[in-house]
Protein backbone atom coordinates (compact mmCIF):
# COMPACT_ATOMS: atom_id res chain seq x y z
CA MET A 1 82.53 87.66 99.58
CA ALA A 2 80.08 90.03 98.00
CA THR A 3 78.48 89.03 94.69
CA LEU A 4 76.75 91.08 92.03
CA SER A 5 73.57 89.88 90.31
CA ILE A 6 72.88 91.24 86.82
CA ALA A 7 69.75 90.66 84.80
CA PRO A 8 70.52 88.14 82.03
CA LEU A 9 69.29 90.33 79.18
CA SER A 10 71.62 93.16 80.11
CA THR A 11 74.68 91.16 81.14
CA ARG A 12 76.68 91.58 77.94
CA THR A 13 76.00 95.32 77.66
CA THR A 14 76.80 95.87 81.32
CA ILE A 15 80.12 94.02 81.19
CA ILE A 16 81.21 95.91 78.08
CA SER A 17 80.31 99.23 79.72
CA MET A 18 82.19 98.34 82.90
CA LEU A 19 85.32 97.35 80.97
CA ARG A 20 85.26 100.54 78.93
CA PHE A 21 84.88 102.62 82.08
CA THR A 22 87.72 100.70 83.75
CA VAL A 23 90.06 101.33 80.82
CA TYR A 24 89.09 105.01 80.88
CA LEU A 25 89.89 105.32 84.60
CA ALA A 26 93.20 103.51 84.17
CA GLU A 27 94.30 105.76 81.33
CA MET A 28 93.27 108.83 83.29
CA ALA A 29 95.27 107.66 86.29
CA GLU A 30 98.33 106.91 84.16
CA SER A 31 98.28 110.38 82.65
CA THR A 32 97.90 111.90 86.15
CA LEU A 33 94.63 113.62 85.26
CA ILE A 34 93.14 112.14 88.39
CA GLY A 35 94.77 112.43 91.78
CA GLY A 36 94.62 109.32 93.91
CA GLY A 37 93.68 106.81 91.21
CA LEU A 38 92.21 104.39 93.77
CA THR A 39 90.61 104.39 97.17
CA LEU A 40 91.30 101.30 99.25
CA VAL A 41 89.60 99.97 102.35
CA ALA A 42 91.93 98.44 104.96
CA THR A 43 89.47 95.88 106.25
CA GLY A 44 91.76 92.88 106.58
CA ILE A 45 89.49 90.98 104.18
CA VAL A 46 90.48 90.57 100.55
CA GLN A 47 87.83 91.00 97.89
CA ASP A 48 88.60 90.01 94.32
CA ALA A 49 87.91 92.73 91.80
CA PRO A 50 85.67 91.99 88.82
CA GLY A 51 87.48 90.08 86.11
CA ALA A 52 87.05 87.08 83.85
CA GLY A 53 90.53 85.60 83.97
CA LYS A 54 93.13 84.36 86.43
CA LEU A 55 93.86 85.98 89.77
CA LEU A 56 96.54 88.70 90.00
CA CYS A 57 97.83 89.85 93.38
CA VAL A 58 99.17 93.41 93.39
CA VAL A 59 101.51 94.06 96.32
CA VAL A 60 101.92 97.77 97.03
CA CYS A 61 104.87 99.21 98.97
CA GLY A 62 105.21 102.61 100.62
CA ALA A 63 106.65 104.72 97.80
CA GLY A 64 105.56 107.72 95.75
CA PRO A 65 103.62 105.89 93.00
CA ALA A 66 101.53 103.91 95.52
CA PRO A 67 98.45 106.19 95.42
CA ARG A 68 98.31 105.70 91.63
CA VAL A 69 98.06 101.91 91.79
CA GLY A 70 94.53 102.23 90.39
CA ALA A 71 96.18 102.60 86.99
CA LEU A 72 97.63 99.09 87.25
CA ILE A 73 94.40 97.62 88.61
CA GLY A 74 92.33 99.07 85.80
CA LEU A 75 94.75 97.91 83.14
CA ALA A 76 94.85 94.41 84.61
CA GLN A 77 91.06 94.13 84.80
CA ALA A 78 90.75 95.29 81.21
CA ALA A 79 93.27 92.60 80.22
CA GLY A 80 91.12 89.90 81.83
CA TRP A 81 92.67 89.53 85.27
CA SER A 82 90.80 89.40 88.54
CA VAL A 83 92.73 91.57 90.98
CA ARG A 84 93.51 91.45 94.69
CA VAL A 85 95.58 94.08 96.55
CA VAL A 86 97.99 93.56 99.45
CA ALA A 87 99.80 96.49 101.07
CA THR A 88 102.92 96.61 103.19
CA PRO A 89 102.39 98.38 106.54
CA SER A 90 104.11 101.53 105.28
CA ALA A 91 102.03 101.54 102.08
CA VAL A 92 98.74 101.87 103.98
CA GLY A 93 99.55 105.51 104.74
CA PHE A 94 99.90 106.23 101.02
CA LEU A 95 96.42 104.92 100.23
CA ASP A 96 93.03 106.51 100.85
CA THR A 97 91.36 104.20 103.37
CA ALA A 98 88.37 106.43 104.08
CA GLY A 99 85.79 105.03 101.69
CA PRO A 100 84.86 102.45 99.07
CA SER A 101 87.17 101.75 96.17
CA ALA A 102 87.01 104.15 93.25
CA GLY A 103 85.02 102.01 90.84
CA TYR A 104 87.31 98.96 91.01
CA GLY A 105 85.67 96.93 93.81
CA VAL A 106 89.01 96.21 95.49
CA ASP A 107 89.76 96.12 99.21
CA VAL A 108 93.28 96.03 100.61
CA ARG A 109 94.74 93.57 103.07
CA SER A 110 97.86 94.43 105.03
CA GLU A 111 97.89 92.00 107.98
CA PHE A 112 97.56 88.31 108.65
CA ARG A 113 94.02 87.17 109.45
CA ALA A 114 93.58 86.13 113.07
CA ALA A 115 92.94 82.40 113.44
CA ALA A 116 89.86 83.19 115.54
CA GLY A 117 88.38 85.12 112.63
CA GLY A 118 87.58 81.93 110.75
CA GLY A 119 86.41 81.96 107.16
CA PRO A 120 88.02 80.39 104.09
CA ARG A 121 91.62 81.19 103.19
CA SER A 122 92.20 83.36 100.15
CA PRO A 123 93.13 81.29 97.08
CA HIS A 124 96.69 81.50 95.78
CA ALA A 125 97.21 84.07 93.06
CA ASP A 126 98.19 82.97 89.56
CA ALA A 127 100.64 85.87 89.30
CA VAL A 128 102.04 88.61 91.53
CA ILE A 129 103.17 92.16 90.77
CA VAL A 130 105.09 94.10 93.42
CA ALA A 131 104.75 97.75 92.49
CA PRO A 132 106.05 100.11 93.54
CA ALA A 133 108.72 97.96 95.16
CA THR A 134 110.93 99.72 97.70
CA TYR A 135 114.58 99.28 98.63
CA ASN A 136 113.61 97.65 101.92
CA THR A 137 111.10 95.23 100.40
CA ILE A 138 113.49 94.06 97.67
CA ASN A 139 116.34 93.51 100.13
CA LYS A 140 114.12 91.72 102.66
CA LEU A 141 112.53 89.52 100.01
CA ALA A 142 115.91 88.40 98.66
CA ALA A 143 117.23 87.76 102.18
CA GLY A 144 114.27 85.58 103.07
CA VAL A 145 112.85 87.95 105.66
CA ASN A 146 109.16 87.21 106.19
CA ASP A 147 107.99 89.69 108.84
CA THR A 148 104.90 91.14 107.14
CA TYR A 149 101.86 89.69 105.39
CA ALA A 150 102.95 91.29 102.10
CA LEU A 151 106.40 89.69 102.24
CA ASN A 152 104.83 86.36 103.11
CA VAL A 153 102.54 86.52 100.06
CA VAL A 154 105.43 87.23 97.68
CA ALA A 155 107.85 84.78 99.32
CA GLU A 156 105.36 81.93 99.06
CA ALA A 157 104.57 82.84 95.45
CA ILE A 158 108.26 82.62 94.54
CA GLY A 159 108.58 79.30 96.34
CA ARG A 160 105.60 77.87 94.44
CA GLY A 161 107.00 79.00 91.10
CA THR A 162 104.23 81.55 90.57
CA PRO A 163 105.16 84.32 88.07
CA VAL A 164 106.35 87.33 90.07
CA VAL A 165 107.19 90.75 88.62
CA VAL A 166 108.94 93.39 90.73
CA LEU A 167 108.81 97.02 89.57
CA PRO A 168 111.14 99.07 91.81
CA PHE A 169 110.89 102.71 92.78
CA VAL A 170 114.36 103.32 94.20
CA ASN A 171 116.75 106.24 93.88
CA ALA A 172 120.16 105.90 92.25
CA ALA A 173 122.12 106.18 95.50
CA LEU A 174 120.27 103.25 97.07
CA ALA A 175 120.30 101.25 93.84
CA ALA A 176 124.11 101.53 93.75
CA ARG A 177 124.50 99.76 97.11
CA ARG A 178 126.04 96.30 96.91
CA PRO A 179 123.30 94.71 99.08
CA PHE A 180 120.64 95.98 96.68
CA VAL A 181 122.52 94.86 93.57
CA ALA A 182 122.97 91.43 95.15
CA ALA A 183 119.28 91.31 96.10
CA VAL A 184 118.19 92.00 92.53
CA GLU A 185 120.54 89.32 91.20
CA SER A 186 119.31 86.86 93.82
CA LEU A 187 115.65 87.40 92.97
CA ARG A 188 116.35 87.07 89.26
CA SER A 189 118.17 83.79 89.91
CA GLU A 190 114.91 82.50 91.41
CA GLY A 191 112.94 83.44 88.32
CA VAL A 192 111.58 86.79 89.50
CA ARG A 193 111.25 89.45 86.81
CA VAL A 194 112.85 92.59 88.28
CA LEU A 195 112.20 95.45 85.88
CA LEU A 196 115.33 97.47 86.58
CA GLY A 197 117.96 98.66 84.14
CA PRO A 198 118.25 99.98 80.59
CA GLY A 199 114.97 99.76 78.70
CA GLN A 200 113.09 99.11 81.92
CA TRP A 201 112.83 101.29 85.04
CA GLN A 202 115.88 103.46 85.72
CA PRO A 203 116.61 104.68 89.27
CA HIS A 204 116.08 108.40 89.76
CA GLU A 205 118.40 110.85 91.45
CA PRO A 206 117.85 111.26 95.21
CA GLY A 207 115.21 113.88 95.97
CA SER A 208 113.71 113.80 92.47
CA GLY A 209 111.15 111.03 92.91
CA ASP A 210 108.11 113.29 92.61
CA ARG A 211 109.17 114.24 89.07
CA HIS A 212 109.06 110.61 87.98
CA LEU A 213 105.66 109.53 89.28
CA ALA A 214 103.82 110.14 86.00
CA ALA A 215 106.35 108.03 84.09
CA PHE A 216 106.11 105.02 86.40
CA PRO A 217 105.66 102.12 83.94
CA TRP A 218 102.62 100.25 85.25
CA ARG A 219 102.00 98.87 81.75
CA ALA A 220 105.48 97.33 81.64
CA ALA A 221 104.80 95.38 84.83
CA LEU A 222 101.59 93.99 83.40
CA ALA A 223 103.22 93.21 80.07
CA ALA A 224 105.89 91.12 81.85
CA LEU A 225 103.25 88.66 83.06
CA PRO A 226 102.18 85.56 81.14
CA ALA A 227 99.15 85.97 78.90
CA VAL A 228 95.76 85.28 80.48
CA PRO A 229 94.32 82.05 79.02
CA ASP A 230 90.80 81.93 77.65
CA VAL A 231 88.22 81.20 80.33
CA ALA A 232 85.20 79.05 79.47
């Protein structure tokens, strides 16, 4: 894993500047003044983003808000989290995988690491946010389907009792299906925070998703997590 060396005399100033710039980028992404919000590199190797607190895993699914996930990453870093990103196979196409990350230092992982690749296993995250969470991912997760790396990460987190927040991006027609309603109830019964319903995220009408991208509540997902403890 890459490390960054900073001269001792300038450490405090540099960290403050980086945090301010991160908050600026996050706010710009949330207000849609920047387009993609984040560039991710699909290398198969996870690199933790700069942060002073516990480790947050952001699982991205293939839905409209996915290219704007930089807003969530920036907000989390500013709140003291170190951030790692995992993408479902369909989410990779929503992300810019052509170059280095846009100021966040985050790579994306979407597949299991081959045993022959060696190297240390990634540490377990202290919290997980699935956002945007799709109809398929929510149903599969509740049913115990574990056929992708992203589902495996979330399923194991739930089993370990790790705080998990799910922020759906699902239209009203799909959200009305009995399997989906049952999936949401099942996940909640296991302690998962599913931010769906009045006062949270409301399903949009079919075909209107693009009009709701700017209002996607990244901040609400972060606010649903436990507070980051002080780090010595």
